[in-house]
Every structure is written in C-alpha cells, then in structure tokens.
Amino acid sequence: MENLQDILKAGNFELIDVREPMELEMDGEINGAKNIPLGEIEERKDEILNLEKPVVLFCRSGNRSGKALEYLNSQGLQNGYNGGGWAQLKETLENI
C-alpha cells in the first residue's frame, strides 16, 4: 500500500471531509473535497466504497477521520487513508 504522501503527489484521489457543514463555514475547507459528516458515513458508505480512486479522509484533528476510516475498512474499503487535520492537509497539498 502506498503512503499518503505518494498518493497526494500522484494527485489521483478523492478527498472526503468528515466535519460538520458548520465547521467548514467557520474554519474553511479544501477545494474539491466532498463533505460527508461522520454521522452520515454509515448511510453513505456505498457512495464511498464505489469510488475507484484512493480515498483520503480528514477532519479537524484526524480523530473523526480515523473513526470513519476504521468503519469503512471494516466494510471493505481497500484504499483509504487518514489525511489527519484539514489545515495541515491543505498546507501539504499546496506544497506538493
């Protein structure tokens, strides 16, 4: 399995922000990221499992995205990554 850095450099991935919509408005967001709040992950899991690219999940600190990833892995997700906190991930993406 490739590491997160390689996936981000390759540029072929789906970003999923598991924060609440209110947090995106208050704190900011990453362009192109799909917002699926942690509470909706279970009901929208097929949408995520059907993505053909590696999936990079993130939130405010990496805690909720870790929980979401654990759940999705248990449902059969093969190529998921915890991108951690959004601010750091955004900075990483800008500097690649």
N, C-alpha and C. Protein backbone atom coordinates (compact mmCIF):
# COMPACT_ATOMS: atom_id res chain seq x y z
N MET A 1 0.85 -1.19 0.00
CA MET A 1 0.00 0.00 0.00
C MET A 1 0.89 1.25 0.00
N GLU A 2 0.54 2.17 -0.85
CA GLU A 2 1.33 3.41 -0.92
C GLU A 2 1.11 4.25 0.33
N ASN A 3 2.05 5.14 0.61
CA ASN A 3 1.79 6.02 1.75
C ASN A 3 1.05 7.27 1.29
N LEU A 4 0.52 8.00 2.25
CA LEU A 4 -0.33 9.15 1.96
C LEU A 4 0.39 10.17 1.08
N GLN A 5 1.67 10.41 1.39
CA GLN A 5 2.46 11.39 0.64
C GLN A 5 2.49 11.03 -0.86
N ASP A 6 2.72 9.74 -1.16
CA ASP A 6 2.76 9.29 -2.56
C ASP A 6 1.42 9.48 -3.25
N ILE A 7 0.35 9.15 -2.53
CA ILE A 7 -1.00 9.31 -3.07
C ILE A 7 -1.26 10.78 -3.41
N LEU A 8 -0.91 11.68 -2.48
CA LEU A 8 -1.15 13.10 -2.70
C LEU A 8 -0.32 13.63 -3.86
N LYS A 9 0.93 13.17 -3.95
CA LYS A 9 1.80 13.60 -5.06
C LYS A 9 1.25 13.14 -6.40
N ALA A 10 0.72 11.92 -6.43
CA ALA A 10 0.18 11.37 -7.68
C ALA A 10 -1.06 12.16 -8.13
N GLY A 11 -1.76 12.76 -7.16
CA GLY A 11 -2.90 13.61 -7.50
C GLY A 11 -4.16 12.86 -7.88
N ASN A 12 -4.14 11.54 -7.74
CA ASN A 12 -5.29 10.73 -8.16
C ASN A 12 -6.00 10.19 -6.93
N PHE A 13 -6.85 11.01 -6.31
CA PHE A 13 -7.51 10.61 -5.07
C PHE A 13 -8.81 11.38 -4.90
N GLU A 14 -9.64 10.88 -4.00
CA GLU A 14 -10.87 11.58 -3.61
C GLU A 14 -10.69 12.07 -2.18
N LEU A 15 -10.99 13.33 -1.94
CA LEU A 15 -10.92 13.88 -0.58
C LEU A 15 -12.30 13.89 0.03
N ILE A 16 -12.39 13.37 1.26
CA ILE A 16 -13.67 13.41 1.97
C ILE A 16 -13.47 14.05 3.33
N ASP A 17 -14.20 15.14 3.53
CA ASP A 17 -14.15 15.92 4.77
C ASP A 17 -15.27 15.43 5.67
N VAL A 18 -14.94 14.84 6.82
CA VAL A 18 -15.99 14.29 7.68
C VAL A 18 -16.44 15.27 8.77
N ARG A 19 -16.04 16.55 8.64
CA ARG A 19 -16.52 17.56 9.59
C ARG A 19 -17.97 17.93 9.30
N GLU A 20 -18.58 18.62 10.24
CA GLU A 20 -19.95 19.11 10.05
C GLU A 20 -19.92 20.34 9.13
N PRO A 21 -20.97 20.55 8.32
CA PRO A 21 -21.01 21.70 7.39
C PRO A 21 -20.72 23.03 8.09
N MET A 22 -21.21 23.17 9.33
CA MET A 22 -20.98 24.40 10.10
C MET A 22 -19.48 24.66 10.31
N GLU A 23 -18.71 23.58 10.52
CA GLU A 23 -17.27 23.73 10.74
C GLU A 23 -16.58 24.24 9.48
N LEU A 24 -17.04 23.78 8.32
CA LEU A 24 -16.45 24.22 7.06
C LEU A 24 -16.65 25.72 6.90
N GLU A 25 -17.86 26.18 7.24
CA GLU A 25 -18.15 27.61 7.14
C GLU A 25 -17.29 28.43 8.09
N MET A 26 -17.10 27.90 9.30
CA MET A 26 -16.34 28.65 10.31
C MET A 26 -14.83 28.58 10.06
N ASP A 27 -14.34 27.40 9.77
CA ASP A 27 -12.88 27.18 9.73
C ASP A 27 -12.28 27.24 8.34
N GLY A 28 -13.06 26.90 7.34
CA GLY A 28 -12.51 26.84 5.98
C GLY A 28 -12.54 25.42 5.48
N GLU A 29 -12.26 25.27 4.18
CA GLU A 29 -12.33 23.94 3.59
C GLU A 29 -11.24 23.76 2.54
N ILE A 30 -11.17 22.56 2.02
CA ILE A 30 -10.20 22.26 0.95
C ILE A 30 -11.00 22.13 -0.34
N ASN A 31 -10.60 22.89 -1.36
CA ASN A 31 -11.30 22.83 -2.65
C ASN A 31 -11.34 21.41 -3.19
N GLY A 32 -12.51 21.03 -3.69
CA GLY A 32 -12.64 19.72 -4.32
C GLY A 32 -12.97 18.60 -3.35
N ALA A 33 -12.95 18.89 -2.05
CA ALA A 33 -13.27 17.85 -1.07
C ALA A 33 -14.78 17.67 -0.98
N LYS A 34 -15.20 16.43 -0.84
CA LYS A 34 -16.62 16.13 -0.66
C LYS A 34 -16.90 16.12 0.83
N ASN A 35 -17.97 16.79 1.25
CA ASN A 35 -18.31 16.82 2.68
C ASN A 35 -19.31 15.72 3.01
N ILE A 36 -18.85 14.73 3.76
CA ILE A 36 -19.72 13.67 4.27
C ILE A 36 -19.47 13.60 5.77
N PRO A 37 -20.30 14.30 6.58
CA PRO A 37 -20.08 14.31 8.02
C PRO A 37 -20.02 12.90 8.61
N LEU A 38 -19.24 12.76 9.66
CA LEU A 38 -19.04 11.45 10.29
C LEU A 38 -20.36 10.73 10.55
N GLY A 39 -21.37 11.46 11.00
CA GLY A 39 -22.67 10.86 11.30
C GLY A 39 -23.39 10.29 10.08
N GLU A 40 -22.95 10.67 8.87
CA GLU A 40 -23.60 10.18 7.64
C GLU A 40 -22.78 9.09 6.94
N ILE A 41 -21.59 8.81 7.47
CA ILE A 41 -20.70 7.84 6.81
C ILE A 41 -21.38 6.48 6.62
N GLU A 42 -22.07 6.02 7.66
CA GLU A 42 -22.70 4.71 7.58
C GLU A 42 -23.75 4.64 6.47
N GLU A 43 -24.64 5.65 6.43
CA GLU A 43 -25.70 5.60 5.41
C GLU A 43 -25.18 5.91 4.01
N ARG A 44 -24.03 6.56 3.90
CA ARG A 44 -23.48 6.90 2.58
C ARG A 44 -22.26 6.05 2.22
N LYS A 45 -22.08 4.94 2.95
CA LYS A 45 -20.87 4.13 2.74
C LYS A 45 -20.73 3.62 1.31
N ASP A 46 -21.84 3.26 0.65
CA ASP A 46 -21.74 2.73 -0.71
C ASP A 46 -21.17 3.77 -1.67
N GLU A 47 -21.56 5.00 -1.45
CA GLU A 47 -21.05 6.12 -2.25
C GLU A 47 -19.51 6.16 -2.15
N ILE A 48 -19.00 5.90 -0.96
CA ILE A 48 -17.55 5.94 -0.73
C ILE A 48 -16.89 4.66 -1.22
N LEU A 49 -17.51 3.51 -0.93
CA LEU A 49 -16.92 2.23 -1.34
C LEU A 49 -16.89 2.09 -2.86
N ASN A 50 -17.76 2.81 -3.57
CA ASN A 50 -17.80 2.72 -5.03
C ASN A 50 -16.79 3.64 -5.72
N LEU A 51 -16.10 4.48 -4.95
CA LEU A 51 -15.10 5.36 -5.55
C LEU A 51 -13.93 4.51 -6.02
N GLU A 52 -13.42 4.82 -7.21
CA GLU A 52 -12.36 3.98 -7.75
C GLU A 52 -10.97 4.48 -7.39
N LYS A 53 -10.89 5.71 -6.93
CA LYS A 53 -9.59 6.27 -6.56
C LYS A 53 -9.34 6.04 -5.07
N PRO A 54 -8.09 6.17 -4.63
CA PRO A 54 -7.83 6.13 -3.19
C PRO A 54 -8.64 7.24 -2.50
N VAL A 55 -9.11 6.95 -1.30
CA VAL A 55 -9.94 7.87 -0.54
C VAL A 55 -9.13 8.44 0.63
N VAL A 56 -9.03 9.77 0.68
CA VAL A 56 -8.32 10.43 1.77
C VAL A 56 -9.35 11.16 2.63
N LEU A 57 -9.52 10.67 3.87
CA LEU A 57 -10.48 11.25 4.80
C LEU A 57 -9.76 12.24 5.71
N PHE A 58 -10.45 13.31 6.07
CA PHE A 58 -9.84 14.26 7.01
C PHE A 58 -10.93 14.96 7.81
N CYS A 59 -10.53 15.60 8.91
CA CYS A 59 -11.47 16.35 9.75
C CYS A 59 -10.71 17.52 10.37
N ARG A 60 -11.01 17.85 11.61
CA ARG A 60 -10.31 18.98 12.23
C ARG A 60 -8.95 18.55 12.76
N SER A 61 -8.91 17.37 13.38
CA SER A 61 -7.66 16.94 14.00
C SER A 61 -7.15 15.58 13.53
N GLY A 62 -8.00 14.82 12.84
CA GLY A 62 -7.61 13.47 12.43
C GLY A 62 -8.30 12.40 13.25
N ASN A 63 -9.02 12.82 14.29
CA ASN A 63 -9.69 11.87 15.17
C ASN A 63 -10.94 11.27 14.51
N ARG A 64 -11.83 12.12 14.05
CA ARG A 64 -13.06 11.63 13.40
C ARG A 64 -12.77 10.91 12.09
N SER A 65 -11.78 11.42 11.34
CA SER A 65 -11.46 10.75 10.07
C SER A 65 -10.88 9.36 10.36
N GLY A 66 -10.19 9.22 11.49
CA GLY A 66 -9.68 7.90 11.90
C GLY A 66 -10.82 6.93 12.19
N LYS A 67 -11.87 7.45 12.88
CA LYS A 67 -13.04 6.61 13.18
C LYS A 67 -13.77 6.22 11.89
N ALA A 68 -13.92 7.19 10.99
CA ALA A 68 -14.60 6.93 9.72
C ALA A 68 -13.82 5.88 8.92
N LEU A 69 -12.50 6.01 8.90
CA LEU A 69 -11.66 5.08 8.15
C LEU A 69 -11.77 3.66 8.73
N GLU A 70 -11.75 3.58 10.05
CA GLU A 70 -11.88 2.28 10.72
C GLU A 70 -13.19 1.59 10.31
N TYR A 71 -14.27 2.36 10.32
CA TYR A 71 -15.57 1.81 9.92
C TYR A 71 -15.55 1.38 8.46
N LEU A 72 -15.07 2.25 7.58
CA LEU A 72 -15.07 1.94 6.15
C LEU A 72 -14.18 0.74 5.84
N ASN A 73 -13.04 0.64 6.53
CA ASN A 73 -12.18 -0.53 6.35
C ASN A 73 -12.93 -1.81 6.72
N SER A 74 -13.73 -1.74 7.79
CA SER A 74 -14.48 -2.91 8.24
C SER A 74 -15.57 -3.27 7.23
N GLN A 75 -15.94 -2.31 6.38
CA GLN A 75 -16.97 -2.54 5.35
C GLN A 75 -16.34 -2.93 4.00
N GLY A 76 -15.01 -3.02 3.98
CA GLY A 76 -14.35 -3.49 2.75
C GLY A 76 -13.58 -2.44 1.97
N LEU A 77 -13.43 -1.23 2.52
CA LEU A 77 -12.64 -0.21 1.81
C LEU A 77 -11.18 -0.68 1.73
N GLN A 78 -10.63 -0.68 0.52
CA GLN A 78 -9.28 -1.18 0.31
C GLN A 78 -8.22 -0.08 0.33
N ASN A 79 -8.59 1.08 -0.17
CA ASN A 79 -7.56 2.11 -0.39
C ASN A 79 -7.90 3.41 0.31
N GLY A 80 -8.12 3.33 1.62
CA GLY A 80 -8.45 4.51 2.39
C GLY A 80 -7.27 5.00 3.21
N TYR A 81 -7.21 6.30 3.41
CA TYR A 81 -6.11 6.92 4.16
C TYR A 81 -6.68 7.97 5.09
N ASN A 82 -6.07 8.12 6.26
CA ASN A 82 -6.45 9.20 7.16
C ASN A 82 -5.53 10.38 6.86
N GLY A 83 -6.13 11.42 6.29
CA GLY A 83 -5.35 12.61 5.94
C GLY A 83 -5.09 13.51 7.15
N GLY A 84 -5.72 13.19 8.30
CA GLY A 84 -5.50 13.96 9.52
C GLY A 84 -6.30 15.25 9.55
N GLY A 85 -5.71 16.28 10.12
CA GLY A 85 -6.39 17.57 10.25
C GLY A 85 -6.39 18.34 8.94
N TRP A 86 -7.48 19.05 8.68
CA TRP A 86 -7.66 19.72 7.38
C TRP A 86 -6.61 20.79 7.12
N ALA A 87 -6.23 21.56 8.15
CA ALA A 87 -5.31 22.69 7.92
C ALA A 87 -3.94 22.17 7.47
N GLN A 88 -3.48 21.12 8.13
CA GLN A 88 -2.19 20.54 7.77
C GLN A 88 -2.25 19.87 6.39
N LEU A 89 -3.36 19.19 6.11
CA LEU A 89 -3.52 18.53 4.82
C LEU A 89 -3.55 19.58 3.70
N LYS A 90 -4.24 20.68 3.94
CA LYS A 90 -4.32 21.74 2.94
C LYS A 90 -2.94 22.30 2.64
N GLU A 91 -2.16 22.50 3.69
CA GLU A 91 -0.80 23.01 3.54
C GLU A 91 0.07 22.02 2.76
N THR A 92 -0.06 20.74 3.09
CA THR A 92 0.67 19.69 2.39
C THR A 92 0.34 19.71 0.90
N LEU A 93 -0.97 19.78 0.59
CA LEU A 93 -1.41 19.79 -0.80
C LEU A 93 -0.89 21.02 -1.55
N GLU A 94 -0.83 22.15 -0.88
CA GLU A 94 -0.35 23.38 -1.53
C GLU A 94 1.15 23.33 -1.81
N ASN A 95 1.85 22.51 -1.02
CA ASN A 95 3.31 22.47 -1.15
C ASN A 95 3.85 21.29 -1.94
N ILE A 96 2.94 20.51 -2.54
CA ILE A 96 3.39 19.34 -3.30
C ILE A 96 3.82 19.76 -4.69
